Structures are given as structure tokens and as C-alpha cells.
C-alpha atoms as a PDB file:
ATOM      1  CA  MET A   1     -14.082  -5.605 -26.913  1.00  0.00           C
ATOM      2  CA  PRO A   2     -16.233  -4.415 -24.345  1.00  0.00           C
ATOM      3  CA  ARG A   3     -17.785  -0.800 -24.923  1.00  0.00           C
ATOM      4  CA  PHE A   4     -16.532   1.895 -22.380  1.00  0.00           C
ATOM      5  CA  ASP A   5     -16.536   5.774 -22.025  1.00  0.00           C
ATOM      6  CA  ILE A   6     -13.428   7.992 -21.526  1.00  0.00           C
ATOM      7  CA  VAL A   7     -13.900  11.272 -19.751  1.00  0.00           C
ATOM      8  CA  ALA A   8     -10.937  13.462 -19.249  1.00  0.00           C
ATOM      9  CA  TRP A   9      -9.668  16.875 -19.044  1.00  0.00           C
ATOM     10  CA  ARG A  10      -6.734  16.265 -21.221  1.00  0.00           C
ATOM     11  CA  ILE A  11      -6.561  12.815 -22.775  1.00  0.00           C
ATOM     12  CA  VAL A  12      -2.940  11.378 -23.575  1.00  0.00           C
ATOM     13  CA  ALA A  13      -1.328   8.218 -24.755  1.00  0.00           C
ATOM     14  CA  TYR A  14      -0.046   6.223 -21.876  1.00  0.00           C
ATOM     15  CA  ILE A  15       1.869   3.179 -21.978  1.00  0.00           C
ATOM     16  CA  SER A  16       3.086   1.542 -18.751  1.00  0.00           C
ATOM     17  CA  ALA A  17       6.427  -0.099 -18.710  1.00  0.00           C
ATOM     18  CA  GLN A  18       5.279  -2.988 -16.199  1.00  0.00           C
ATOM     19  CA  GLY A  19       1.905  -4.177 -15.645  1.00  0.00           C
ATOM     20  CA  HIS A  20       0.630  -4.390 -11.662  1.00  0.00           C
ATOM     21  CA  GLY A  21       1.173  -7.886 -10.636  1.00  0.00           C
ATOM     22  CA  LYS A  22       2.407  -9.272 -13.893  1.00  0.00           C
ATOM     23  CA  ARG A  23       5.992  -8.468 -14.961  1.00  0.00           C
ATOM     24  CA  GLU A  24       5.959  -8.057 -18.880  1.00  0.00           C
ATOM     25  CA  PRO A  25       8.821  -7.266 -21.226  1.00  0.00           C
ATOM     26  CA  VAL A  26       9.177  -3.778 -22.191  1.00  0.00           C
ATOM     27  CA  GLY A  27       9.883  -2.202 -25.563  1.00  0.00           C
ATOM     28  CA  LYS A  28      12.615   0.235 -26.008  1.00  0.00           C
ATOM     29  CA  ASN A  29      10.274   2.601 -27.258  1.00  0.00           C
ATOM     30  CA  LEU A  30       7.722   2.394 -24.729  1.00  0.00           C
ATOM     31  CA  VAL A  31       7.937   5.288 -22.043  1.00  0.00           C
ATOM     32  CA  PRO A  32       5.583   5.582 -18.923  1.00  0.00           C
ATOM     33  CA  LEU A  33       4.081   8.327 -17.936  1.00  0.00           C
ATOM     34  CA  PRO A  34       4.485   9.085 -14.094  1.00  0.00           C
ATOM     35  CA  THR A  35       1.515  10.193 -11.724  1.00  0.00           C
ATOM     36  CA  ARG A  36       3.722  13.421 -10.794  1.00  0.00           C
ATOM     37  CA  GLN A  37       3.598  14.189 -14.643  1.00  0.00           C
ATOM     38  CA  CYS A  38      -0.081  13.470 -14.954  1.00  0.00           C
ATOM     39  CA  ALA A  39      -0.767  16.156 -12.011  1.00  0.00           C
ATOM     40  CA  ARG A  40       1.833  18.632 -13.480  1.00  0.00           C
ATOM     41  CA  GLU A  41      -0.141  18.332 -16.934  1.00  0.00           C
ATOM     42  CA  ARG A  42      -3.532  18.386 -15.356  1.00  0.00           C
ATOM     43  CA  ILE A  43      -4.551  15.101 -16.771  1.00  0.00           C
ATOM     44  CA  TRP A  44      -7.191  13.193 -15.135  1.00  0.00           C
ATOM     45  CA  THR A  45      -8.770  10.237 -16.880  1.00  0.00           C
ATOM     46  CA  SER A  46     -11.727   8.221 -15.817  1.00  0.00           C
ATOM     47  CA  LEU A  47     -13.075   5.113 -17.601  1.00  0.00           C
ATOM     48  CA  ALA A  48     -16.514   3.577 -16.897  1.00  0.00           C
ATOM     49  CA  LEU A  49     -17.389  -0.227 -18.254  1.00  0.00           C
ATOM     50  CA  ALA A  50     -20.584  -1.664 -17.617  1.00  0.00           C
ATOM     51  CA  GLY A  51     -21.631   0.556 -14.647  1.00  0.00           C
ATOM     52  CA  GLU A  52     -18.237  -0.068 -13.113  1.00  0.00           C
ATOM     53  CA  ALA A  53     -15.882   3.107 -12.581  1.00  0.00           C
ATOM     54  CA  VAL A  54     -12.354   2.498 -13.141  1.00  0.00           C
ATOM     55  CA  GLN A  55     -10.341   5.621 -12.153  1.00  0.00           C
ATOM     56  CA  GLY A  56      -6.909   6.642 -13.407  1.00  0.00           C
ATOM     57  CA  CYS A  57      -4.581   4.987 -16.044  1.00  0.00           C
ATOM     58  CA  THR A  58      -3.345   2.429 -13.620  1.00  0.00           C
ATOM     59  CA  ARG A  59      -6.855   0.642 -13.975  1.00  0.00           C
ATOM     60  CA  ARG A  60      -6.211  -0.236 -17.523  1.00  0.00           C
ATOM     61  CA  GLN A  61      -5.779  -4.160 -16.851  1.00  0.00           C
ATOM     62  CA  ALA A  62      -9.424  -4.017 -15.329  1.00  0.00           C
ATOM     63  CA  PHE A  63     -10.939  -3.318 -18.962  1.00  0.00           C
ATOM     64  CA  ALA A  64      -8.506  -6.297 -20.462  1.00  0.00           C
ATOM     65  CA  ASP A  65      -9.725  -8.834 -18.073  1.00  0.00           C
ATOM     66  CA  THR A  66     -13.525  -7.314 -17.251  1.00  0.00           C
ATOM     67  CA  ASP A  67     -16.347  -9.965 -18.753  1.00  0.00           C
ATOM     68  CA  THR A  68     -19.370  -7.994 -19.649  1.00  0.00           C
ATOM     69  CA  ASP A  69     -22.832  -8.535 -21.484  1.00  0.00           C
ATOM     70  CA  THR A  70     -22.786  -5.086 -23.101  1.00  0.00           C
ATOM     71  CA  ASP A  71     -22.967  -4.764 -26.733  1.00  0.00           C
ATOM     72  CA  THR A  72     -19.569  -5.129 -28.227  1.00  0.00           C
ATOM     73  CA  ASP A  73     -17.541  -3.209 -30.861  1.00  0.00           C
ATOM     74  CA  THR A  74     -14.400  -4.676 -32.312  1.00  0.00           C
ATOM     75  CA  ASP A  75     -11.962  -3.763 -29.309  1.00  0.00           C
ATOM     76  CA  THR A  76      13.727   1.223  12.523  1.00  0.00           C
ATOM     77  CA  ASP A  77      15.741  -0.605  10.008  1.00  0.00           C
ATOM     78  CA  THR A  78      14.384  -3.653   8.934  1.00  0.00           C
ATOM     79  CA  ASP A  79      16.772  -5.006   6.496  1.00  0.00           C
ATOM     80  CA  THR A  80      20.553  -5.431   6.451  1.00  0.00           C
ATOM     81  CA  ALA A  81      20.376  -7.411   3.021  1.00  0.00           C
ATOM     82  CA  LYS A  82      23.207  -5.069   1.715  1.00  0.00           C
ATOM     83  CA  GLU A  83      25.493  -2.965   3.438  1.00  0.00           C
ATOM     84  CA  GLY A  84      27.653   0.362   2.522  1.00  0.00           C
ATOM     85  CA  PRO A  85      27.080   3.904   1.832  1.00  0.00           C
ATOM     86  CA  MET A  86      25.219   3.508  -1.539  1.00  0.00           C
ATOM     87  CA  THR A  87      22.391   1.040  -0.267  1.00  0.00           C
ATOM     88  CA  PRO A  88      19.294   2.364  -1.552  1.00  0.00           C
ATOM     89  CA  GLN A  89      16.788   2.822   1.032  1.00  0.00           C
ATOM     90  CA  PHE A  90      13.147   4.109   2.117  1.00  0.00           C
ATOM     91  CA  ASP A  91      10.567   4.601   4.348  1.00  0.00           C
ATOM     92  CA  TYR A  92       7.224   2.773   4.466  1.00  0.00           C
ATOM     93  CA  TYR A  93       4.392   4.695   5.926  1.00  0.00           C
ATOM     94  CA  PHE A  94       1.232   2.758   7.182  1.00  0.00           C
ATOM     95  CA  VAL A  95      -1.424   1.585   9.111  1.00  0.00           C
ATOM     96  CA  LEU A  96      -2.684  -1.820   9.708  1.00  0.00           C
ATOM     97  CA  ASN A  97      -6.354  -1.043   9.356  1.00  0.00           C
ATOM     98  CA  SER A  98      -5.882  -0.053   5.511  1.00  0.00           C
ATOM     99  CA  PRO A  99      -6.320  -2.826   2.881  1.00  0.00           C
ATOM    100  CA  TRP A 100      -3.820  -1.204   0.795  1.00  0.00           C
ATOM    101  CA  SER A 101      -1.215  -1.324   3.141  1.00  0.00           C
ATOM    102  CA  TYR A 102      -1.630  -5.039   4.041  1.00  0.00           C
ATOM    103  CA  LEU A 103      -1.604  -5.428  -0.193  1.00  0.00           C
ATOM    104  CA  ALA A 104       1.642  -3.388  -0.222  1.00  0.00           C
ATOM    105  CA  ALA A 105       3.238  -4.972   2.470  1.00  0.00           C
ATOM    106  CA  ARG A 106       2.846  -8.357   0.869  1.00  0.00           C
ATOM    107  CA  GLN A 107       5.024  -7.295  -1.815  1.00  0.00           C
ATOM    108  CA  LEU A 108       7.774  -5.198  -0.253  1.00  0.00           C
ATOM    109  CA  GLY A 109       9.713  -8.165   0.634  1.00  0.00           C
ATOM    110  CA  GLU A 110      10.345  -8.919  -2.855  1.00  0.00           C
ATOM    111  CA  ILE A 111      11.196  -5.566  -3.722  1.00  0.00           C
ATOM    112  CA  ARG A 112      13.656  -5.171  -0.710  1.00  0.00           C
ATOM    113  CA  ALA A 113      15.469  -8.702  -1.965  1.00  0.00           C
ATOM    114  CA  ARG A 114      15.931  -7.470  -5.892  1.00  0.00           C
ATOM    115  CA  THR A 115      17.212  -4.241  -4.686  1.00  0.00           C
ATOM    116  CA  GLY A 116      18.919  -4.804  -1.640  1.00  0.00           C
ATOM    117  CA  ALA A 117      17.274  -1.857  -0.110  1.00  0.00           C
ATOM    118  CA  ARG A 118      17.414  -1.126   3.365  1.00  0.00           C
ATOM    119  CA  LEU A 119      13.295  -0.850   4.664  1.00  0.00           C
ATOM    120  CA  GLN A 120      12.342   1.488   7.237  1.00  0.00           C
ATOM    121  CA  LEU A 121       8.858   0.511   8.585  1.00  0.00           C
ATOM    122  CA  ARG A 122       6.933   3.738  10.103  1.00  0.00           C
ATOM    123  CA  PRO A 123       3.445   3.063  11.451  1.00  0.00           C
ATOM    124  CA  VAL A 124       1.607   6.197  11.807  1.00  0.00           C
ATOM    125  CA  LEU A 125      -1.631   8.052  13.336  1.00  0.00           C
ATOM    126  CA  LEU A 126      -4.048   8.220  10.454  1.00  0.00           C
ATOM    127  CA  ALA A 127      -6.473  10.823  11.972  1.00  0.00           C
ATOM    128  CA  LYS A 128      -3.646  12.832  12.728  1.00  0.00           C
ATOM    129  CA  LEU A 129      -2.431  12.610   9.369  1.00  0.00           C
ATOM    130  CA  PHE A 130      -5.404  13.203   7.664  1.00  0.00           C
ATOM    131  CA  ALA A 131      -6.000  16.250   9.822  1.00  0.00           C
ATOM    132  CA  SER A 132      -2.909  17.668   8.947  1.00  0.00           C
ATOM    133  CA  THR A 133      -2.882  16.971   5.299  1.00  0.00           C
ATOM    134  CA  GLY A 134      -6.878  17.542   4.334  1.00  0.00           C
ATOM    135  CA  GLY A 135      -7.787  14.055   3.986  1.00  0.00           C
ATOM    136  CA  GLN A 136     -10.982  12.325   5.322  1.00  0.00           C
ATOM    137  CA  ILE A 137     -11.372   9.345   7.539  1.00  0.00           C
ATOM    138  CA  LEU A 138     -13.554   6.591   5.964  1.00  0.00           C
ATOM    139  CA  ARG A 139     -17.102   7.316   7.795  1.00  0.00           C
ATOM    140  CA  ASP A 140     -16.824  10.989   6.716  1.00  0.00           C
ATOM    141  CA  ARG A 141     -16.196  10.247   2.944  1.00  0.00           C
ATOM    142  CA  HIS A 142     -19.134  10.421   0.238  1.00  0.00           C
ATOM    143  CA  PRO A 143     -21.243   7.549  -0.390  1.00  0.00           C
ATOM    144  CA  ALA A 144     -19.859   7.002  -3.901  1.00  0.00           C
ATOM    145  CA  ARG A 145     -16.210   6.978  -2.777  1.00  0.00           C
ATOM    146  CA  GLN A 146     -17.057   4.419   0.064  1.00  0.00           C
ATOM    147  CA  ALA A 147     -18.561   2.301  -2.724  1.00  0.00           C
ATOM    148  CA  TYR A 148     -16.086   2.721  -4.892  1.00  0.00           C
ATOM    149  CA  ARG A 149     -13.528   1.682  -2.431  1.00  0.00           C
ATOM    150  CA  LEU A 150     -15.168  -1.642  -1.893  1.00  0.00           C
ATOM    151  CA  GLN A 151     -15.303  -2.062  -5.841  1.00  0.00           C
ATOM    152  CA  GLU A 152     -11.316  -1.507  -5.640  1.00  0.00           C
ATOM    153  CA  ILE A 153     -10.627  -3.981  -2.805  1.00  0.00           C
ATOM    154  CA  ALA A 154     -12.580  -6.832  -4.625  1.00  0.00           C
ATOM    155  CA  ARG A 155     -10.620  -5.918  -7.981  1.00  0.00           C
ATOM    156  CA  TRP A 156      -7.292  -6.096  -6.872  1.00  0.00           C
ATOM    157  CA  SER A 157      -8.133  -9.123  -4.311  1.00  0.00           C
ATOM    158  CA  LYS A 158      -8.586 -10.842  -7.402  1.00  0.00           C
ATOM    159  CA  TRP A 159      -6.036  -9.454  -9.541  1.00  0.00           C
ATOM    160  CA  LEU A 160      -3.075 -10.079  -6.929  1.00  0.00           C
ATOM    161  CA  GLY A 161      -4.598 -13.422  -6.309  1.00  0.00           C
ATOM    162  CA  VAL A 162      -5.035 -12.073  -2.218  1.00  0.00           C
ATOM    163  CA  PRO A 163      -7.991 -13.352  -0.401  1.00  0.00           C
ATOM    164  CA  MET A 164      -9.491 -10.374   1.211  1.00  0.00           C
ATOM    165  CA  HIS A 165     -12.818  -9.674   2.985  1.00  0.00           C
ATOM    166  CA  ALA A 166     -13.909  -6.256   1.897  1.00  0.00           C
ATOM    167  CA  GLN A 167     -15.694  -5.316   4.912  1.00  0.00           C
ATOM    168  CA  PRO A 168     -13.906  -7.576   7.826  1.00  0.00           C
ATOM    169  CA  ARG A 169     -15.780  -8.590  10.911  1.00  0.00           C
ATOM    170  CA  TYR A 170     -13.652  -6.461  13.102  1.00  0.00           C
ATOM    171  CA  PHE A 171     -12.859  -3.465  10.951  1.00  0.00           C
ATOM    172  CA  PRO A 172     -11.972  -0.989  11.718  1.00  0.00           C
ATOM    173  CA  ALA A 173     -10.071  -2.664  14.715  1.00  0.00           C
ATOM    174  CA  ASP A 174      -8.081  -1.243  17.896  1.00  0.00           C
ATOM    175  CA  GLU A 175      -4.708  -1.405  16.142  1.00  0.00           C
ATOM    176  CA  SER A 176      -2.706  -0.072  19.414  1.00  0.00           C
ATOM    177  CA  LEU A 177      -1.796  -3.585  20.271  1.00  0.00           C
ATOM    178  CA  ALA A 178      -0.768  -4.981  17.104  1.00  0.00           C
ATOM    179  CA  VAL A 179       1.144  -1.784  16.082  1.00  0.00           C
ATOM    180  CA  GLY A 180       2.776  -1.998  19.452  1.00  0.00           C
ATOM    181  CA  THR A 181       3.890  -5.497  18.814  1.00  0.00           C
ATOM    182  CA  VAL A 182       5.603  -4.477  15.563  1.00  0.00           C
ATOM    183  CA  LEU A 183       6.945  -1.308  17.258  1.00  0.00           C
ATOM    184  CA  ALA A 184       8.684  -3.530  20.057  1.00  0.00           C
ATOM    185  CA  ALA A 185      10.146  -6.251  17.087  1.00  0.00           C
ATOM    186  CA  LEU A 186      11.883  -2.909  15.477  1.00  0.00           C
ATOM    187  CA  GLU A 187      13.443  -2.083  19.009  1.00  0.00           C
ATOM    188  CA  ALA A 188      14.722  -5.444  19.386  1.00  0.00           C
ATOM    189  CA  GLY A 189      16.353  -5.441  15.929  1.00  0.00           C
ATOM    190  CA  LEU A 190      14.132  -8.037  14.166  1.00  0.00           C
ATOM    191  CA  ASP A 191      12.682  -7.997  10.822  1.00  0.00           C
ATOM    192  CA  ALA A 192       9.338  -6.793  11.373  1.00  0.00           C
ATOM    193  CA  LEU A 193       7.863  -6.967   7.988  1.00  0.00           C
ATOM    194  CA  PRO A 194       6.722 -10.724   8.062  1.00  0.00           C
ATOM    195  CA  LEU A 195       4.842  -9.796  11.510  1.00  0.00           C
ATOM    196  CA  THR A 196       3.334  -6.662   9.484  1.00  0.00           C
ATOM    197  CA  VAL A 197       2.279  -9.003   6.541  1.00  0.00           C
ATOM    198  CA  ALA A 198       0.615 -11.814   9.045  1.00  0.00           C
ATOM    199  CA  LEU A 199      -1.152  -8.883  11.465  1.00  0.00           C
ATOM    200  CA  GLY A 200      -2.734  -7.591   8.217  1.00  0.00           C
ATOM    201  CA  LYS A 201      -3.934 -11.372   7.009  1.00  0.00           C
ATOM    202  CA  ALA A 202      -5.411 -11.536  10.325  1.00  0.00           C
ATOM    203  CA  LEU A 203      -7.567  -8.858   9.941  1.00  0.00           C
ATOM    204  CA  TRP A 204      -8.371  -8.657   6.001  1.00  0.00           C
ATOM    205  CA  THR A 205      -7.989 -12.391   5.119  1.00  0.00           C
ATOM    206  CA  ASP A 206      -8.779 -14.251   8.337  1.00  0.00           C
ATOM    207  CA  ASN A 207     -11.004 -12.026   9.791  1.00  0.00           C
ATOM    208  CA  LEU A 208      -9.872 -12.115  13.058  1.00  0.00           C
ATOM    209  CA  ASP A 209      -9.269  -9.313  15.541  1.00  0.00           C
ATOM    210  CA  PHE A 210      -5.748  -8.041  16.116  1.00  0.00           C
ATOM    211  CA  ALA A 211      -6.640  -6.387  19.232  1.00  0.00           C
ATOM    212  CA  ASP A 212      -7.182  -9.588  21.001  1.00  0.00           C
ATOM    213  CA  ASP A 213      -4.060 -10.811  22.898  1.00  0.00           C
ATOM    214  CA  ALA A 214      -4.698 -14.769  21.755  1.00  0.00           C
ATOM    215  CA  VAL A 215      -4.687 -13.635  18.178  1.00  0.00           C
ATOM    216  CA  VAL A 216      -1.468 -11.400  18.352  1.00  0.00           C
ATOM    217  CA  GLY A 217       0.142 -14.281  20.061  1.00  0.00           C
ATOM    218  CA  GLN A 218      -0.646 -16.727  17.492  1.00  0.00           C
ATOM    219  CA  VAL A 219       0.667 -14.324  14.729  1.00  0.00           C
ATOM    220  CA  LEU A 220       3.705 -13.964  16.690  1.00  0.00           C
ATOM    221  CA  ALA A 221       4.107 -17.875  17.211  1.00  0.00           C
ATOM    222  CA  ALA A 222       3.300 -18.499  13.296  1.00  0.00           C
ATOM    223  CA  THR A 223       6.086 -15.810  12.417  1.00  0.00           C
ATOM    224  CA  GLY A 224       8.599 -17.057  14.773  1.00  0.00           C
ATOM    225  CA  LEU A 225       8.924 -14.188  16.714  1.00  0.00           C
ATOM    226  CA  PRO A 226       9.260 -13.950  20.620  1.00  0.00           C
ATOM    227  CA  ALA A 227       5.958 -14.385  22.477  1.00  0.00           C
ATOM    228  CA  THR A 228       7.711 -11.563  24.864  1.00  0.00           C
ATOM    229  CA  LEU A 229       6.892  -9.057  22.375  1.00  0.00           C
ATOM    230  CA  LEU A 230       3.504  -8.926  23.405  1.00  0.00           C
ATOM    231  CA  ALA A 231       4.091  -7.884  26.650  1.00  0.00           C
ATOM    232  CA  GLU A 232       6.498  -5.183  25.158  1.00  0.00           C
ATOM    233  CA  ALA A 233       3.896  -3.874  22.810  1.00  0.00           C
ATOM    234  CA  ARG A 234       1.797  -1.914  25.535  1.00  0.00           C
ATOM    235  CA  ALA A 235       4.678   0.067  26.686  1.00  0.00           C
ATOM    236  CA  PRO A 236       3.885   3.683  26.800  1.00  0.00           C
ATOM    237  CA  ARG A 237       6.976   4.860  24.825  1.00  0.00           C
ATOM    238  CA  HIS A 238       5.153   3.572  21.649  1.00  0.00           C
ATOM    239  CA  ALA A 239       2.931   6.594  21.731  1.00  0.00           C
ATOM    240  CA  ALA A 240       5.984   8.734  20.998  1.00  0.00           C
ATOM    241  CA  THR A 241       7.194   6.571  18.489  1.00  0.00           C
ATOM    242  CA  LEU A 242       3.952   6.869  16.370  1.00  0.00           C
ATOM    243  CA  ALA A 243       3.354  10.663  16.775  1.00  0.00           C
ATOM    244  CA  ALA A 244       7.218  11.076  15.561  1.00  0.00           C
ATOM    245  CA  ASN A 245       6.460   8.823  12.476  1.00  0.00           C
ATOM    246  CA  THR A 246       3.362  10.602  11.907  1.00  0.00           C
ATOM    247  CA  GLU A 247       5.397  14.405  12.012  1.00  0.00           C
ATOM    248  CA  ALA A 248       8.241  12.695   9.842  1.00  0.00           C
ATOM    249  CA  ALA A 249       5.368  11.921   7.743  1.00  0.00           C
ATOM    250  CA  ILE A 250       3.957  14.994   7.122  1.00  0.00           C
ATOM    251  CA  ALA A 251       7.287  16.683   7.016  1.00  0.00           C
ATOM    252  CA  ALA A 252       8.095  14.357   3.981  1.00  0.00           C
ATOM    253  CA  GLN A 253       4.607  15.415   2.397  1.00  0.00           C
ATOM    254  CA  VAL A 254       3.033  12.138   2.824  1.00  0.00           C
ATOM    255  CA  PHE A 255      -0.767  12.527   2.936  1.00  0.00           C
ATOM    256  CA  GLY A 256      -2.085   8.710   2.483  1.00  0.00           C
ATOM    257  CA  VAL A 257      -1.177   5.306   3.387  1.00  0.00           C
ATOM    258  CA  PRO A 258       0.412   3.274   2.128  1.00  0.00           C
ATOM    259  CA  SER A 259       3.327   5.820   0.870  1.00  0.00           C
ATOM    260  CA  CYS A 260       6.676   5.128   0.502  1.00  0.00           C
ATOM    261  CA  VAL A 261       9.444   7.640   0.185  1.00  0.00           C
ATOM    262  CA  VAL A 262      12.474   7.433  -1.649  1.00  0.00           C
ATOM    263  CA  GLY A 263      14.960  10.403  -1.519  1.00  0.00           C
ATOM    264  CA  ASP A 264      12.722  13.216  -1.660  1.00  0.00           C
ATOM    265  CA  GLU A 265      10.013  11.287  -3.822  1.00  0.00           C
ATOM    266  CA  VAL A 266       6.487  10.402  -2.438  1.00  0.00           C
ATOM    267  CA  PHE A 267       4.455   7.191  -3.755  1.00  0.00           C
ATOM    268  CA  TRP A 268       1.253   6.770  -2.583  1.00  0.00           C
ATOM    269  CA  GLY A 269      -0.776   3.474  -2.751  1.00  0.00           C
ATOM    270  CA  GLN A 270      -0.007  -0.178  -3.029  1.00  0.00           C
ATOM    271  CA  ASP A 271      -0.341   0.539  -7.124  1.00  0.00           C
ATOM    272  CA  ARG A 272       2.881   2.428  -7.131  1.00  0.00           C
ATOM    273  CA  LEU A 273       5.102   0.047  -6.002  1.00  0.00           C
ATOM    274  CA  ASP A 274       6.790  -0.617  -9.503  1.00  0.00           C
ATOM    275  CA  PHE A 275       7.716   3.185  -9.488  1.00  0.00           C
ATOM    276  CA  VAL A 276       9.214   2.625  -5.870  1.00  0.00           C
ATOM    277  CA  GLU A 277      11.112  -0.045  -7.333  1.00  0.00           C
ATOM    278  CA  ARG A 278      12.435   2.107  -9.921  1.00  0.00           C
ATOM    279  CA  ALA A 279      13.635   4.787  -7.640  1.00  0.00           C
ATOM    280  CA  LEU A 280      15.469   2.448  -5.700  1.00  0.00           C
ATOM    281  CA  LYS A 281      17.513   0.982  -8.378  1.00  0.00           C
ATOM    282  CA  ALA A 282      18.138   4.692  -9.726  1.00  0.00           C
ATOM    283  CA  GLN A 283      19.831   5.171  -6.152  1.00  0.00           C
ATOM    284  CA  GLU A 284      22.152   2.305  -7.008  1.00  0.00           C
ATOM    285  CA  ASP A 285      23.496   4.515 -10.139  1.00  0.00           C
END
């Protein structure tokens, strides 16, 4: 097996109940160690393989799949699928300029179908969210963090089978028109999740500019939504909705995107969706 180094404050055994992107049978004695517990017990593990950093226990699959020449040893409500007082529900905070939001949004439809949950799409103002919670916009991050982000985009794109440009031609795009279209769809009582996914695809996969009216018009047509949403996208009232969503995110202790909130639990990152689904299913009990 490939050689790798483990550096940690405290090393513990971690067995995931489900693989990311692939669902696997779980033995009855296997117990996942949630991220919150890792933080509580001051567990922070990073692994390095052939010069490639793989941060955190959720990146374990990268080692199993990595080929290396290194010397080897022997190793607004968008769903009404299920009604009733016990219907599980969750809020999804995101921005369209985030590759992680795009990857997460692509998976939310299946989670919604499996759990019968009611999904609330809540686009936010990322700069304001970061300013309020200690985050940094991309250009202000250390070069090592920026380089690692590009590695992760390529890694997750391959693992999930989603073609992506790590550095799209129009990134970062002005997302006011695209987000306004999503908010207009929500106001009209439409399911805006397919639109959200399609807008992310336009930027991250198709290398298109969703600040362009023609591009957004094509996306609306492709998703079967009315072209009139394009005019509604520029309504001044959407600014207040974005501000309110951002304040709600801050109040819920959200600090980054994408984040899902189930009850009083926050799940940050597209690689936490397995935990989101478990939390939604637990709401039914």
C-alpha cells in the first residue's frame, strides 16, 4: 500500500459508517466519530501522501484510490413531499460562487426524497457572513490554503463524478442576477433546487457567466421554469431577503457555506451530508 505520514494532536481509531459518494453496508459494531466530537476531544489529523495533503478523517478514501510511485510497504419551502407535524426539515445556506455549494446542491434532491424532508433554500451574503464569524474571503487566504482548495476541487470532482473547472473562466461571478432568479422562484412557490443546481453547473462545469441574462435565460428554459423569473430577479426586495438569510445564518452559528441546519445542529461542508441525512431521519423518531 502507499506510504503515508500521520500527524495529529491525538490519534484515535475512526471508522466511518458510510463512504462519501458510495453507500456501503455497515457492521453492527462500527461507530462513526462525528466532527463535533473530534473538536470536543481536540482531535485534528492530517495525512500526507506523495506530497499531497489530505486533511481530516473524511478524506480517508483518497488514500485508498491514490496511485503513487512512492516506495511501498504492505498497506422559502421548496418541497412538499411529506406533510404533517413530524415532517423533518432543514435549512440550506449557500452561495452560487462556491464549488462546495454546487456539489452539495446536486445531492440534496436525493436526500430530500429519501427522508421526505422539507428543504428551505437560503442564499446568503458570504462577505458579511465571514466578517461576522471570522472567516476570510478567498483572495485573503494564505497561498497554501488556496492551493489546497484547488486540490480538493479536483479530488471531489473525480470522486463524485462531476466534471468541474477548478478555476472557472468567470469566477468569481456577479451572482446577484442568478441568486435573484432563485429567490424569485421561491417567492412564486416553485421548487428552486433544480434551478440552483443548474446555475452552479453553468459556472463550475460549463464555464459560463451566470451574470449574463442570456445564460440565465437558457438555464430557466432548461429547467422548465418561466422566463418571467428573469425580470423578477432584479427586484430590489431580494436584497432584504439576502440580508435576512445572512442574519439567520449567523444566529444559527453558521460560519461558512454550504451549511445545513437541522434543528439546532449545524453541518458545514458538502462532505457532511451523510450526517445531515441521519439527523433528518432521527427527527422522524
